[in-house]
Amino acid sequence: MCGRRRASSSRSPVKPKDEKTAKAYVERLVAHRPRTMAEVERRLAEKGFPSDVARAALDCARAVGVVDDSLFARLYADDRLLSRPCSRRLLARELRERGVEPALAERAARAALPERSEEDLARDALAARLPLWGRLDPEVARNRAAAFLLRRGFAPSLAKAIIEETLRMGRSLTAEHAENAEETQG
């Protein structure tokens, strides 16, 4: 067999880029997590599906309800604010970046967890991070807290107010916070 190469048997045959294959691919995509129309359209294009085939698969997915930007926006907004609190302004921007139309993104961000104010969301976000700054100099911890809240999309005035409130309530942004929490639990 010198000089001759055997064809590799490990290669899978090229799948046709027809509508049936596109629909099956969309089903696999949304089985993992909800997606926006824009995300699915981009993924179909990346896989090399012709635009008319991709459009037909998307239309079918929308018609049966497996791809729904409104549902995606509501689910994403609630999950994001519960798991990693941020400002509603940042939430709306994230939704727009995922392909949700601006008006729908704004509505979903405003409707998410209506019982929680921006102040509550900022407090929740900060509370989750306080233990990480336990051994830092107080001024460094204060700066990190402010930078963190700003990255989460909260207004500078709100970030400052929440940090000051945390300090006024006797919570430290440093090691004393962790020690006080341990003492009250013990």
C-alpha atoms as a PDB file:
ATOM      1  CA  MET A   1       0.000   0.000   0.000  1.00  0.00           C
ATOM      2  CA  CYS A   2       2.913   2.314  -0.480  1.00  0.00           C
ATOM      3  CA  GLY A   3       1.968   5.647  -1.953  1.00  0.00           C
ATOM      4  CA  ARG A   4      -1.764   4.998  -1.817  1.00  0.00           C
ATOM      5  CA  ARG A   5      -4.018   6.468   0.796  1.00  0.00           C
ATOM      6  CA  ARG A   6      -7.098   4.752   1.976  1.00  0.00           C
ATOM      7  CA  ALA A   7     -10.227   6.809   2.202  1.00  0.00           C
ATOM      8  CA  SER A   8     -11.007   7.626   5.785  1.00  0.00           C
ATOM      9  CA  SER A   9     -13.994   5.733   7.046  1.00  0.00           C
ATOM     10  CA  SER A  10     -14.335   8.038  10.042  1.00  0.00           C
ATOM     11  CA  ARG A  11     -15.832  10.868   8.006  1.00  0.00           C
ATOM     12  CA  SER A  12     -19.570  11.127   8.149  1.00  0.00           C
ATOM     13  CA  PRO A  13     -21.397  11.579   4.888  1.00  0.00           C
ATOM     14  CA  VAL A  14     -22.332  15.136   4.004  1.00  0.00           C
ATOM     15  CA  LYS A  15     -25.903  15.801   5.070  1.00  0.00           C
ATOM     16  CA  PRO A  16     -28.191  17.419   2.556  1.00  0.00           C
ATOM     17  CA  LYS A  17     -29.106  21.032   3.290  1.00  0.00           C
ATOM     18  CA  ASP A  18     -32.810  20.540   2.728  1.00  0.00           C
ATOM     19  CA  GLU A  19     -35.798  21.774   4.715  1.00  0.00           C
ATOM     20  CA  LYS A  20     -36.251  18.510   6.612  1.00  0.00           C
ATOM     21  CA  THR A  21     -32.644  18.591   7.806  1.00  0.00           C
ATOM     22  CA  ALA A  22     -32.980  22.269   8.766  1.00  0.00           C
ATOM     23  CA  LYS A  23     -36.125  21.577  10.794  1.00  0.00           C
ATOM     24  CA  ALA A  24     -34.414  18.705  12.603  1.00  0.00           C
ATOM     25  CA  TYR A  25     -31.454  20.957  13.376  1.00  0.00           C
ATOM     26  CA  VAL A  26     -33.770  23.653  14.785  1.00  0.00           C
ATOM     27  CA  GLU A  27     -35.455  21.040  16.991  1.00  0.00           C
ATOM     28  CA  ARG A  28     -32.073  19.951  18.352  1.00  0.00           C
ATOM     29  CA  LEU A  29     -31.091  23.576  19.030  1.00  0.00           C
ATOM     30  CA  VAL A  30     -34.201  24.454  21.003  1.00  0.00           C
ATOM     31  CA  ALA A  31     -34.139  21.159  22.902  1.00  0.00           C
ATOM     32  CA  HIS A  32     -31.110  22.462  24.842  1.00  0.00           C
ATOM     33  CA  ARG A  33     -32.562  25.878  25.717  1.00  0.00           C
ATOM     34  CA  PRO A  34     -34.982  28.444  24.303  1.00  0.00           C
ATOM     35  CA  ARG A  35     -33.538  30.575  21.517  1.00  0.00           C
ATOM     36  CA  THR A  36     -34.474  33.702  19.628  1.00  0.00           C
ATOM     37  CA  MET A  37     -35.335  33.756  15.950  1.00  0.00           C
ATOM     38  CA  ALA A  38     -32.105  35.648  15.299  1.00  0.00           C
ATOM     39  CA  GLU A  39     -30.010  33.026  17.120  1.00  0.00           C
ATOM     40  CA  VAL A  40     -31.593  30.160  15.196  1.00  0.00           C
ATOM     41  CA  GLU A  41     -31.252  32.027  11.906  1.00  0.00           C
ATOM     42  CA  ARG A  42     -27.560  32.707  12.595  1.00  0.00           C
ATOM     43  CA  ARG A  43     -26.909  29.068  13.534  1.00  0.00           C
ATOM     44  CA  LEU A  44     -28.633  27.826  10.377  1.00  0.00           C
ATOM     45  CA  ALA A  45     -26.499  30.170   8.278  1.00  0.00           C
ATOM     46  CA  GLU A  46     -23.345  28.957  10.051  1.00  0.00           C
ATOM     47  CA  LYS A  47     -24.293  25.380   9.176  1.00  0.00           C
ATOM     48  CA  GLY A  48     -24.545  26.385   5.531  1.00  0.00           C
ATOM     49  CA  PHE A  49     -28.274  26.123   4.981  1.00  0.00           C
ATOM     50  CA  PRO A  50     -29.485  28.225   2.038  1.00  0.00           C
ATOM     51  CA  SER A  51     -31.475  31.275   3.144  1.00  0.00           C
ATOM     52  CA  ASP A  52     -34.749  30.028   1.618  1.00  0.00           C
ATOM     53  CA  VAL A  53     -34.422  26.682   3.417  1.00  0.00           C
ATOM     54  CA  ALA A  54     -33.527  28.426   6.679  1.00  0.00           C
ATOM     55  CA  ARG A  55     -36.486  30.811   6.325  1.00  0.00           C
ATOM     56  CA  ALA A  56     -38.891  27.900   5.732  1.00  0.00           C
ATOM     57  CA  ALA A  57     -37.558  26.045   8.802  1.00  0.00           C
ATOM     58  CA  LEU A  58     -37.842  29.208  10.904  1.00  0.00           C
ATOM     59  CA  ASP A  59     -41.391  29.879   9.725  1.00  0.00           C
ATOM     60  CA  CYS A  60     -42.368  26.334  10.620  1.00  0.00           C
ATOM     61  CA  ALA A  61     -40.673  26.585  14.037  1.00  0.00           C
ATOM     62  CA  ARG A  62     -42.477  29.855  14.747  1.00  0.00           C
ATOM     63  CA  ALA A  63     -45.817  28.417  13.610  1.00  0.00           C
ATOM     64  CA  VAL A  64     -45.606  25.460  15.990  1.00  0.00           C
ATOM     65  CA  GLY A  65     -44.246  27.614  18.814  1.00  0.00           C
ATOM     66  CA  VAL A  66     -40.785  26.119  19.310  1.00  0.00           C
ATOM     67  CA  VAL A  67     -39.141  29.468  18.553  1.00  0.00           C
ATOM     68  CA  ASP A  68     -40.896  32.417  20.174  1.00  0.00           C
ATOM     69  CA  ASP A  69     -39.035  35.663  20.887  1.00  0.00           C
ATOM     70  CA  SER A  70     -41.676  36.851  23.344  1.00  0.00           C
ATOM     71  CA  LEU A  71     -41.485  33.669  25.414  1.00  0.00           C
ATOM     72  CA  PHE A  72     -37.689  33.679  25.219  1.00  0.00           C
ATOM     73  CA  ALA A  73     -37.545  37.285  26.447  1.00  0.00           C
ATOM     74  CA  ARG A  74     -39.821  36.590  29.427  1.00  0.00           C
ATOM     75  CA  LEU A  75     -37.954  33.429  30.456  1.00  0.00           C
ATOM     76  CA  TYR A  76     -34.524  34.963  29.983  1.00  0.00           C
ATOM     77  CA  ALA A  77     -35.452  38.139  31.889  1.00  0.00           C
ATOM     78  CA  ASP A  78     -36.831  36.318  34.929  1.00  0.00           C
ATOM     79  CA  ASP A  79     -33.958  33.828  35.029  1.00  0.00           C
ATOM     80  CA  ARG A  80     -31.305  36.530  34.640  1.00  0.00           C
ATOM     81  CA  LEU A  81     -32.696  38.690  37.441  1.00  0.00           C
ATOM     82  CA  LEU A  82     -33.031  35.706  39.779  1.00  0.00           C
ATOM     83  CA  SER A  83     -29.682  34.074  39.096  1.00  0.00           C
ATOM     84  CA  ARG A  84     -27.427  37.098  38.451  1.00  0.00           C
ATOM     85  CA  PRO A  85     -29.245  40.306  39.352  1.00  0.00           C
ATOM     86  CA  CYS A  86     -28.567  43.280  37.107  1.00  0.00           C
ATOM     87  CA  SER A  87     -30.291  46.494  36.144  1.00  0.00           C
ATOM     88  CA  ARG A  88     -33.261  46.323  33.844  1.00  0.00           C
ATOM     89  CA  ARG A  89     -31.394  48.594  31.432  1.00  0.00           C
ATOM     90  CA  LEU A  90     -28.598  46.028  31.108  1.00  0.00           C
ATOM     91  CA  LEU A  91     -31.144  43.229  30.832  1.00  0.00           C
ATOM     92  CA  ALA A  92     -32.883  44.972  27.909  1.00  0.00           C
ATOM     93  CA  ARG A  93     -29.510  45.444  26.198  1.00  0.00           C
ATOM     94  CA  GLU A  94     -28.659  41.752  26.600  1.00  0.00           C
ATOM     95  CA  LEU A  95     -31.989  40.798  25.070  1.00  0.00           C
ATOM     96  CA  ARG A  96     -31.401  43.132  22.100  1.00  0.00           C
ATOM     97  CA  GLU A  97     -27.932  41.606  21.631  1.00  0.00           C
ATOM     98  CA  ARG A  98     -29.580  38.179  21.428  1.00  0.00           C
ATOM     99  CA  GLY A  99     -31.811  39.388  18.619  1.00  0.00           C
ATOM    100  CA  VAL A 100     -34.988  40.375  20.459  1.00  0.00           C
ATOM    101  CA  GLU A 101     -36.564  43.458  18.911  1.00  0.00           C
ATOM    102  CA  PRO A 102     -35.982  46.597  21.042  1.00  0.00           C
ATOM    103  CA  ALA A 103     -39.612  47.242  22.054  1.00  0.00           C
ATOM    104  CA  LEU A 104     -40.084  43.625  23.133  1.00  0.00           C
ATOM    105  CA  ALA A 105     -36.777  43.678  25.036  1.00  0.00           C
ATOM    106  CA  GLU A 106     -37.834  46.809  26.934  1.00  0.00           C
ATOM    107  CA  ARG A 107     -41.250  45.337  27.804  1.00  0.00           C
ATOM    108  CA  ALA A 108     -39.730  42.061  29.000  1.00  0.00           C
ATOM    109  CA  ALA A 109     -37.129  43.850  31.123  1.00  0.00           C
ATOM    110  CA  ARG A 110     -39.794  46.050  32.762  1.00  0.00           C
ATOM    111  CA  ALA A 111     -42.139  43.091  33.359  1.00  0.00           C
ATOM    112  CA  ALA A 112     -39.514  40.791  34.878  1.00  0.00           C
ATOM    113  CA  LEU A 113     -39.963  40.329  38.628  1.00  0.00           C
ATOM    114  CA  PRO A 114     -42.192  43.368  39.063  1.00  0.00           C
ATOM    115  CA  GLU A 115     -42.087  43.020  42.851  1.00  0.00           C
ATOM    116  CA  ARG A 116     -38.336  43.755  42.834  1.00  0.00           C
ATOM    117  CA  SER A 117     -37.182  47.364  42.490  1.00  0.00           C
ATOM    118  CA  GLU A 118     -33.844  48.387  40.985  1.00  0.00           C
ATOM    119  CA  GLU A 119     -32.641  48.999  44.545  1.00  0.00           C
ATOM    120  CA  ASP A 120     -33.646  45.472  45.566  1.00  0.00           C
ATOM    121  CA  LEU A 121     -31.840  44.022  42.567  1.00  0.00           C
ATOM    122  CA  ALA A 122     -28.694  46.011  43.398  1.00  0.00           C
ATOM    123  CA  ARG A 123     -28.837  44.850  47.029  1.00  0.00           C
ATOM    124  CA  ASP A 124     -29.219  41.229  45.906  1.00  0.00           C
ATOM    125  CA  ALA A 125     -26.314  41.522  43.497  1.00  0.00           C
ATOM    126  CA  LEU A 126     -24.060  43.109  46.127  1.00  0.00           C
ATOM    127  CA  ALA A 127     -25.020  40.658  48.894  1.00  0.00           C
ATOM    128  CA  ALA A 128     -23.896  37.740  46.773  1.00  0.00           C
ATOM    129  CA  ARG A 129     -20.454  39.310  46.306  1.00  0.00           C
ATOM    130  CA  LEU A 130     -19.715  40.580  49.830  1.00  0.00           C
ATOM    131  CA  PRO A 131     -18.020  37.370  51.026  1.00  0.00           C
ATOM    132  CA  LEU A 132     -15.524  37.552  48.148  1.00  0.00           C
ATOM    133  CA  TRP A 133     -14.055  40.800  49.451  1.00  0.00           C
ATOM    134  CA  GLY A 134     -13.610  39.606  53.042  1.00  0.00           C
ATOM    135  CA  ARG A 135      -9.854  40.033  53.328  1.00  0.00           C
ATOM    136  CA  LEU A 136      -9.481  43.248  51.343  1.00  0.00           C
ATOM    137  CA  ASP A 137      -8.671  46.718  52.545  1.00  0.00           C
ATOM    138  CA  PRO A 138     -12.017  48.527  53.151  1.00  0.00           C
ATOM    139  CA  GLU A 139     -11.346  51.155  50.484  1.00  0.00           C
ATOM    140  CA  VAL A 140     -10.417  48.491  47.917  1.00  0.00           C
ATOM    141  CA  ALA A 141     -13.572  46.549  48.806  1.00  0.00           C
ATOM    142  CA  ARG A 142     -15.682  49.701  48.404  1.00  0.00           C
ATOM    143  CA  ASN A 143     -14.148  50.370  44.980  1.00  0.00           C
ATOM    144  CA  ARG A 144     -14.711  46.797  43.875  1.00  0.00           C
ATOM    145  CA  ALA A 145     -18.310  46.910  45.063  1.00  0.00           C
ATOM    146  CA  ALA A 146     -18.910  50.109  43.108  1.00  0.00           C
ATOM    147  CA  ALA A 147     -17.250  48.733  39.972  1.00  0.00           C
ATOM    148  CA  PHE A 148     -19.230  45.512  40.262  1.00  0.00           C
ATOM    149  CA  LEU A 149     -22.584  47.310  40.522  1.00  0.00           C
ATOM    150  CA  LEU A 150     -21.670  49.558  37.590  1.00  0.00           C
ATOM    151  CA  ARG A 151     -20.805  46.505  35.455  1.00  0.00           C
ATOM    152  CA  ARG A 152     -24.190  45.080  36.358  1.00  0.00           C
ATOM    153  CA  GLY A 153     -25.730  48.170  34.793  1.00  0.00           C
ATOM    154  CA  PHE A 154     -26.796  50.079  37.882  1.00  0.00           C
ATOM    155  CA  ALA A 155     -26.577  53.864  37.855  1.00  0.00           C
ATOM    156  CA  PRO A 156     -23.568  55.360  39.692  1.00  0.00           C
ATOM    157  CA  SER A 157     -25.841  57.197  42.139  1.00  0.00           C
ATOM    158  CA  LEU A 158     -27.710  53.979  42.947  1.00  0.00           C
ATOM    159  CA  ALA A 159     -24.472  52.012  43.349  1.00  0.00           C
ATOM    160  CA  LYS A 160     -23.142  54.611  45.777  1.00  0.00           C
ATOM    161  CA  ALA A 161     -26.420  54.680  47.724  1.00  0.00           C
ATOM    162  CA  ILE A 162     -26.552  50.876  48.060  1.00  0.00           C
ATOM    163  CA  ILE A 163     -22.937  50.694  49.226  1.00  0.00           C
ATOM    164  CA  GLU A 164     -23.519  53.468  51.780  1.00  0.00           C
ATOM    165  CA  GLU A 165     -26.717  51.757  52.952  1.00  0.00           C
ATOM    166  CA  THR A 166     -24.837  48.490  53.375  1.00  0.00           C
ATOM    167  CA  LEU A 167     -22.207  50.233  55.491  1.00  0.00           C
ATOM    168  CA  ARG A 168     -24.843  52.152  57.530  1.00  0.00           C
ATOM    169  CA  MET A 169     -26.635  48.921  58.341  1.00  0.00           C
ATOM    170  CA  GLY A 170     -23.460  47.717  59.971  1.00  0.00           C
ATOM    171  CA  ARG A 171     -22.443  45.388  57.201  1.00  0.00           C
ATOM    172  CA  SER A 172     -18.859  45.632  56.197  1.00  0.00           C
ATOM    173  CA  LEU A 173     -17.541  45.086  52.736  1.00  0.00           C
ATOM    174  CA  THR A 174     -14.525  43.346  54.281  1.00  0.00           C
ATOM    175  CA  ALA A 175     -13.517  40.645  56.757  1.00  0.00           C
ATOM    176  CA  GLU A 176     -15.672  41.931  59.615  1.00  0.00           C
ATOM    177  CA  HIS A 177     -18.743  41.091  57.522  1.00  0.00           C
ATOM    178  CA  ALA A 178     -17.753  37.458  57.230  1.00  0.00           C
ATOM    179  CA  GLU A 179     -16.818  37.258  60.963  1.00  0.00           C
ATOM    180  CA  ASN A 180     -20.066  38.941  62.063  1.00  0.00           C
ATOM    181  CA  ALA A 181     -22.097  36.563  59.934  1.00  0.00           C
ATOM    182  CA  GLU A 182     -20.326  33.564  61.485  1.00  0.00           C
ATOM    183  CA  GLU A 183     -20.885  34.876  65.034  1.00  0.00           C
ATOM    184  CA  THR A 184     -24.609  35.427  64.510  1.00  0.00           C
ATOM    185  CA  GLN A 185     -25.032  31.959  63.069  1.00  0.00           C
ATOM    186  CA  GLY A 186     -23.055  30.241  65.828  1.00  0.00           C
END
